[in-house]
Amino acid sequence: MTICGLIYSIFKKLKEVANLFAEGILTGELKHGPLALVEHGLPMLMIVCDDNTFDKCMNAVQQVTARGVLTKIIFSISTFK
Protein backbone atom coordinates (compact mmCIF):
# COMPACT_ATOMS: atom_id res chain seq x y z
CA MET A 1 0.00 0.00 0.00
CA THR A 2 1.30 3.44 -0.86
CA ILE A 3 1.42 6.35 1.57
CA CYS A 4 -1.47 7.98 -0.30
CA GLY A 5 -3.58 4.83 0.01
CA LEU A 6 -2.74 4.55 3.69
CA ILE A 7 -3.77 8.16 4.34
CA TYR A 8 -7.09 7.72 2.53
CA SER A 9 -7.84 4.56 4.51
CA ILE A 10 -7.03 6.32 7.82
CA PHE A 11 -9.48 9.11 7.09
CA LYS A 12 -12.10 6.65 5.91
CA LYS A 13 -11.86 4.84 9.26
CA LEU A 14 -12.15 8.18 11.09
CA LYS A 15 -15.40 8.79 9.24
CA GLU A 16 -16.75 5.33 10.06
CA VAL A 17 -15.63 4.85 13.66
CA ALA A 18 -15.66 8.34 15.17
CA ASN A 19 -18.47 9.73 13.02
CA LEU A 20 -16.29 12.70 12.12
CA PHE A 21 -15.91 14.50 8.84
CA ALA A 22 -12.46 13.72 7.50
CA GLU A 23 -10.97 14.17 4.07
CA GLY A 24 -7.57 13.08 2.76
CA ILE A 25 -6.03 15.75 0.55
CA LEU A 26 -2.63 15.63 -1.09
CA THR A 27 -0.32 18.62 -0.54
CA GLY A 28 -0.31 19.49 -4.22
CA GLU A 29 -4.11 19.61 -4.28
CA LEU A 30 -4.38 21.81 -1.19
CA LYS A 31 -3.73 25.05 -3.09
CA HIS A 32 -6.31 24.23 -5.77
CA GLY A 33 -9.44 24.84 -3.74
CA PRO A 34 -9.40 23.26 -0.27
CA LEU A 35 -7.11 25.99 1.14
CA ALA A 36 -9.88 28.52 0.49
CA LEU A 37 -12.16 26.54 2.84
CA VAL A 38 -9.66 26.56 5.71
CA GLU A 39 -10.76 28.80 8.56
CA HIS A 40 -9.61 29.68 12.07
CA GLY A 41 -10.06 26.85 14.57
CA LEU A 42 -10.38 24.03 12.03
CA PRO A 43 -8.66 20.87 13.31
CA MET A 44 -6.27 19.38 10.77
CA LEU A 45 -4.03 16.32 10.83
CA MET A 46 -1.07 16.53 8.46
CA ILE A 47 1.20 13.61 7.63
CA VAL A 48 4.64 14.71 6.41
CA CYS A 49 7.00 12.17 4.86
CA ASP A 50 10.75 12.52 4.63
CA ASP A 51 11.09 12.30 0.86
CA ASN A 52 11.29 14.66 -2.10
CA THR A 53 7.98 16.32 -1.06
CA PHE A 54 9.14 17.30 2.44
CA ASP A 55 9.72 21.01 1.62
CA LYS A 56 6.36 21.33 -0.14
CA CYS A 57 4.59 19.63 2.77
CA MET A 58 6.21 21.97 5.29
CA ASN A 59 5.16 24.93 3.13
CA ALA A 60 1.57 23.65 3.30
CA VAL A 61 1.89 23.32 7.10
CA GLN A 62 3.01 26.95 7.34
CA GLN A 63 0.14 28.11 5.13
CA VAL A 64 -2.58 26.42 7.16
CA THR A 65 -1.12 27.40 10.54
CA ALA A 66 -0.96 31.02 9.35
CA ARG A 67 -4.73 30.80 8.86
CA GLY A 68 -5.26 29.73 12.49
CA VAL A 69 -5.78 26.03 11.93
CA LEU A 70 -5.32 23.68 14.90
CA THR A 71 -2.63 21.56 13.25
CA LYS A 72 -1.28 18.22 14.42
CA ILE A 73 1.67 16.98 12.41
CA ILE A 74 2.85 13.40 12.05
CA PHE A 75 6.33 12.84 10.63
CA SER A 76 7.56 9.64 9.12
CA ILE A 77 10.03 7.60 11.18
CA SER A 78 12.86 8.27 8.73
CA THR A 79 12.59 12.00 9.45
CA PHE A 80 14.19 11.52 12.87
CA LYS A 81 17.11 9.30 11.80
C-alpha atoms as a PDB file:
ATOM      1  CA  MET A   1       0.000   0.000   0.000  1.00  0.00           C
ATOM      2  CA  THR A   2       1.301   3.444  -0.862  1.00  0.00           C
ATOM      3  CA  ILE A   3       1.424   6.354   1.570  1.00  0.00           C
ATOM      4  CA  CYS A   4      -1.471   7.977  -0.305  1.00  0.00           C
ATOM      5  CA  GLY A   5      -3.583   4.828   0.009  1.00  0.00           C
ATOM      6  CA  LEU A   6      -2.739   4.553   3.687  1.00  0.00           C
ATOM      7  CA  ILE A   7      -3.775   8.159   4.340  1.00  0.00           C
ATOM      8  CA  TYR A   8      -7.087   7.725   2.531  1.00  0.00           C
ATOM      9  CA  SER A   9      -7.841   4.563   4.508  1.00  0.00           C
ATOM     10  CA  ILE A  10      -7.026   6.317   7.817  1.00  0.00           C
ATOM     11  CA  PHE A  11      -9.480   9.114   7.089  1.00  0.00           C
ATOM     12  CA  LYS A  12     -12.105   6.647   5.908  1.00  0.00           C
ATOM     13  CA  LYS A  13     -11.860   4.838   9.259  1.00  0.00           C
ATOM     14  CA  LEU A  14     -12.155   8.177  11.092  1.00  0.00           C
ATOM     15  CA  LYS A  15     -15.400   8.789   9.239  1.00  0.00           C
ATOM     16  CA  GLU A  16     -16.746   5.329  10.055  1.00  0.00           C
ATOM     17  CA  VAL A  17     -15.634   4.851  13.660  1.00  0.00           C
ATOM     18  CA  ALA A  18     -15.656   8.338  15.170  1.00  0.00           C
ATOM     19  CA  ASN A  19     -18.473   9.730  13.023  1.00  0.00           C
ATOM     20  CA  LEU A  20     -16.293  12.704  12.121  1.00  0.00           C
ATOM     21  CA  PHE A  21     -15.906  14.496   8.844  1.00  0.00           C
ATOM     22  CA  ALA A  22     -12.455  13.716   7.502  1.00  0.00           C
ATOM     23  CA  GLU A  23     -10.970  14.167   4.068  1.00  0.00           C
ATOM     24  CA  GLY A  24      -7.572  13.080   2.759  1.00  0.00           C
ATOM     25  CA  ILE A  25      -6.026  15.755   0.547  1.00  0.00           C
ATOM     26  CA  LEU A  26      -2.626  15.632  -1.091  1.00  0.00           C
ATOM     27  CA  THR A  27      -0.318  18.619  -0.536  1.00  0.00           C
ATOM     28  CA  GLY A  28      -0.308  19.491  -4.225  1.00  0.00           C
ATOM     29  CA  GLU A  29      -4.106  19.609  -4.279  1.00  0.00           C
ATOM     30  CA  LEU A  30      -4.379  21.812  -1.187  1.00  0.00           C
ATOM     31  CA  LYS A  31      -3.725  25.047  -3.092  1.00  0.00           C
ATOM     32  CA  HIS A  32      -6.307  24.228  -5.769  1.00  0.00           C
ATOM     33  CA  GLY A  33      -9.443  24.842  -3.737  1.00  0.00           C
ATOM     34  CA  PRO A  34      -9.400  23.263  -0.270  1.00  0.00           C
ATOM     35  CA  LEU A  35      -7.106  25.986   1.138  1.00  0.00           C
ATOM     36  CA  ALA A  36      -9.877  28.519   0.494  1.00  0.00           C
ATOM     37  CA  LEU A  37     -12.156  26.539   2.836  1.00  0.00           C
ATOM     38  CA  VAL A  38      -9.662  26.556   5.710  1.00  0.00           C
ATOM     39  CA  GLU A  39     -10.759  28.798   8.561  1.00  0.00           C
ATOM     40  CA  HIS A  40      -9.607  29.676  12.068  1.00  0.00           C
ATOM     41  CA  GLY A  41     -10.062  26.845  14.569  1.00  0.00           C
ATOM     42  CA  LEU A  42     -10.384  24.029  12.027  1.00  0.00           C
ATOM     43  CA  PRO A  43      -8.664  20.869  13.313  1.00  0.00           C
ATOM     44  CA  MET A  44      -6.274  19.378  10.774  1.00  0.00           C
ATOM     45  CA  LEU A  45      -4.027  16.320  10.831  1.00  0.00           C
ATOM     46  CA  MET A  46      -1.068  16.533   8.461  1.00  0.00           C
ATOM     47  CA  ILE A  47       1.204  13.607   7.634  1.00  0.00           C
ATOM     48  CA  VAL A  48       4.637  14.709   6.410  1.00  0.00           C
ATOM     49  CA  CYS A  49       7.004  12.169   4.858  1.00  0.00           C
ATOM     50  CA  ASP A  50      10.749  12.524   4.628  1.00  0.00           C
ATOM     51  CA  ASP A  51      11.089  12.297   0.864  1.00  0.00           C
ATOM     52  CA  ASN A  52      11.290  14.659  -2.101  1.00  0.00           C
ATOM     53  CA  THR A  53       7.984  16.322  -1.057  1.00  0.00           C
ATOM     54  CA  PHE A  54       9.144  17.304   2.440  1.00  0.00           C
ATOM     55  CA  ASP A  55       9.718  21.011   1.622  1.00  0.00           C
ATOM     56  CA  LYS A  56       6.359  21.327  -0.144  1.00  0.00           C
ATOM     57  CA  CYS A  57       4.592  19.634   2.770  1.00  0.00           C
ATOM     58  CA  MET A  58       6.209  21.968   5.293  1.00  0.00           C
ATOM     59  CA  ASN A  59       5.160  24.932   3.126  1.00  0.00           C
ATOM     60  CA  ALA A  60       1.569  23.652   3.302  1.00  0.00           C
ATOM     61  CA  VAL A  61       1.893  23.318   7.099  1.00  0.00           C
ATOM     62  CA  GLN A  62       3.012  26.949   7.337  1.00  0.00           C
ATOM     63  CA  GLN A  63       0.138  28.114   5.132  1.00  0.00           C
ATOM     64  CA  VAL A  64      -2.577  26.423   7.163  1.00  0.00           C
ATOM     65  CA  THR A  65      -1.116  27.400  10.540  1.00  0.00           C
ATOM     66  CA  ALA A  66      -0.962  31.020   9.347  1.00  0.00           C
ATOM     67  CA  ARG A  67      -4.734  30.797   8.858  1.00  0.00           C
ATOM     68  CA  GLY A  68      -5.256  29.730  12.486  1.00  0.00           C
ATOM     69  CA  VAL A  69      -5.779  26.028  11.931  1.00  0.00           C
ATOM     70  CA  LEU A  70      -5.317  23.682  14.904  1.00  0.00           C
ATOM     71  CA  THR A  71      -2.634  21.558  13.254  1.00  0.00           C
ATOM     72  CA  LYS A  72      -1.282  18.217  14.416  1.00  0.00           C
ATOM     73  CA  ILE A  73       1.669  16.982  12.406  1.00  0.00           C
ATOM     74  CA  ILE A  74       2.854  13.398  12.050  1.00  0.00           C
ATOM     75  CA  PHE A  75       6.326  12.844  10.630  1.00  0.00           C
ATOM     76  CA  SER A  76       7.561   9.636   9.117  1.00  0.00           C
ATOM     77  CA  ILE A  77      10.033   7.604  11.178  1.00  0.00           C
ATOM     78  CA  SER A  78      12.863   8.269   8.733  1.00  0.00           C
ATOM     79  CA  THR A  79      12.591  11.997   9.452  1.00  0.00           C
ATOM     80  CA  PHE A  80      14.188  11.517  12.866  1.00  0.00           C
ATOM     81  CA  LYS A  81      17.108   9.304  11.798  1.00  0.00           C
END
